[in-house]
Protein backbone atom coordinates (compact mmCIF):
# COMPACT_ATOMS: atom_id res chain seq x y z
CA MET A 1 24.62 35.80 32.03
CA VAL A 2 26.35 34.92 35.24
CA HIS A 3 29.58 32.98 34.88
CA GLY A 4 31.65 31.40 37.57
CA PRO A 5 32.14 28.14 39.36
CA PRO A 6 29.39 25.54 39.36
CA TRP A 7 26.71 26.05 41.97
CA ARG A 8 24.49 23.52 43.69
CA TRP A 9 20.76 23.45 43.10
CA CYS A 10 18.16 21.19 44.68
CA TRP A 11 14.42 21.48 44.52
CA GLY A 12 12.82 21.56 47.92
CA ARG A 13 10.97 18.66 49.35
CA GLY A 14 8.61 19.52 52.14
CA GLY A 15 7.51 16.03 53.05
CA ARG A 16 9.02 12.91 54.46
CA GLY A 17 11.48 10.66 52.74
CA ARG A 18 14.95 10.93 51.39
CA ARG A 19 16.10 14.40 50.39
CA PRO A 20 16.91 14.90 46.70
CA LYS A 21 20.59 14.97 45.78
CA PRO A 22 21.81 18.46 44.83
CA ARG A 23 22.74 18.99 41.18
CA LEU A 24 25.80 20.95 40.06
CA ILE A 25 24.73 23.67 37.64
CA GLY A 26 27.65 25.11 35.68
CA HIS A 27 25.75 27.85 33.88
CA GLY A 28 24.25 31.00 35.39
CA ILE A 29 20.50 30.97 34.96
CA ARG A 30 18.21 33.96 35.07
CA GLY A 31 14.46 33.98 34.72
CA LEU A 32 13.64 33.93 31.00
CA VAL A 33 10.38 33.65 29.12
CA PHE A 34 10.04 32.50 25.53
CA ALA A 35 6.53 33.31 24.35
CA PRO A 36 5.12 32.48 20.92
CA LEU A 37 3.08 35.09 19.09
CA ASN A 38 -0.62 34.56 18.47
CA ASP A 39 -2.37 35.29 15.15
CA GLU A 40 -2.53 39.03 15.94
CA GLY A 41 1.24 39.18 16.56
CA LEU A 42 0.90 39.53 20.34
CA PRO A 43 2.62 37.28 22.92
CA SER A 44 0.60 34.22 23.86
CA THR A 45 -1.35 34.42 27.13
CA SER A 46 -1.67 30.65 27.59
CA ASP A 47 -0.53 28.99 30.80
CA PRO A 48 3.28 28.81 30.77
CA ILE A 49 5.35 25.65 30.96
CA LEU A 50 8.11 25.80 33.59
CA ILE A 51 11.55 24.28 33.00
CA MET A 52 13.56 23.56 36.13
CA PRO A 53 17.28 24.46 36.33
CA ASP A 54 18.43 20.81 36.32
CA GLU A 55 16.39 20.09 33.17
CA LEU A 56 17.90 23.08 31.37
CA GLU A 57 21.42 22.13 32.49
CA ALA A 58 20.94 18.55 31.26
CA LEU A 59 19.68 19.81 27.88
CA ARG A 60 22.59 22.27 27.67
CA LEU A 61 25.29 19.72 28.47
CA VAL A 62 24.02 16.96 26.18
CA TYR A 63 22.55 18.84 23.21
CA PHE A 64 24.46 22.14 23.21
CA MET A 65 27.86 21.10 24.59
CA GLY A 66 27.77 17.68 22.89
CA MET A 67 28.59 15.63 26.00
CA THR A 68 27.57 12.02 26.39
CA GLN A 69 24.99 11.26 29.05
CA GLU A 70 27.73 9.70 31.20
CA GLU A 71 29.92 12.82 30.95
CA ALA A 72 26.99 15.15 31.62
CA ALA A 73 25.91 13.11 34.65
CA LYS A 74 29.42 13.37 36.12
CA ALA A 75 29.47 17.12 35.46
CA MET A 76 26.15 17.52 37.31
CA GLY A 77 27.12 15.15 40.13
CA VAL A 78 24.19 12.78 39.58
CA SER A 79 23.64 9.29 38.22
CA ARG A 80 23.07 8.69 34.52
CA GLY A 81 19.51 7.62 35.30
CA THR A 82 18.80 10.92 37.06
CA LEU A 83 20.28 12.81 34.11
CA TRP A 84 18.16 10.76 31.70
CA ARG A 85 14.98 11.66 33.63
CA ALA A 86 15.91 15.37 33.56
CA LEU A 87 16.59 15.17 29.80
CA SER A 88 13.34 13.34 29.15
CA SER A 89 11.30 15.83 31.18
CA GLY A 90 13.05 18.85 29.60
CA ARG A 91 12.54 17.54 26.05
CA ARG A 92 8.88 16.82 26.73
CA LYS A 93 8.33 20.34 28.08
CA VAL A 94 10.07 22.06 25.14
CA ILE A 95 8.10 20.00 22.60
CA GLN A 96 4.83 20.61 24.48
CA ALA A 97 5.48 24.38 24.46
CA LEU A 98 6.16 24.32 20.70
CA ILE A 99 3.17 22.14 19.77
CA GLU A 100 0.64 23.87 22.06
CA ARG A 101 2.08 27.37 21.40
CA ARG A 102 2.53 28.03 25.12
CA PRO A 103 5.13 30.27 26.79
CA LEU A 104 8.25 28.51 28.05
CA VAL A 105 9.59 29.85 31.37
CA ILE A 106 13.06 29.06 32.63
CA THR A 107 12.71 29.35 36.39
CA GLU A 108 14.80 31.99 38.09
CA VAL A 109 17.36 30.84 40.57
CA LYS A 110 18.97 33.15 43.09
CA LEU A 111 22.75 32.79 43.10
């Protein structure tokens, strides 16, 4: 794991409109894959589900670190509504991966 000061992450937007606000990510993230085993004991070859860095950071702050949504939003430098959307999307993806037995990929971010 990479430790150090928080870094800024923002997904790219190629089109018109307002640019997304960067999120502060306080945890080093490397590309990881969690793959369930099929009935033969081999890793699943289903289409993977991708979790974005801001979704993982929101899940980490609220559910692992025990912060309130307000505290986590301040730590990430976003509004509570933005944090809530990241939490909701991250929870949905984790549950979908468990129910459908699909690999869960934490996207790699270059530091």
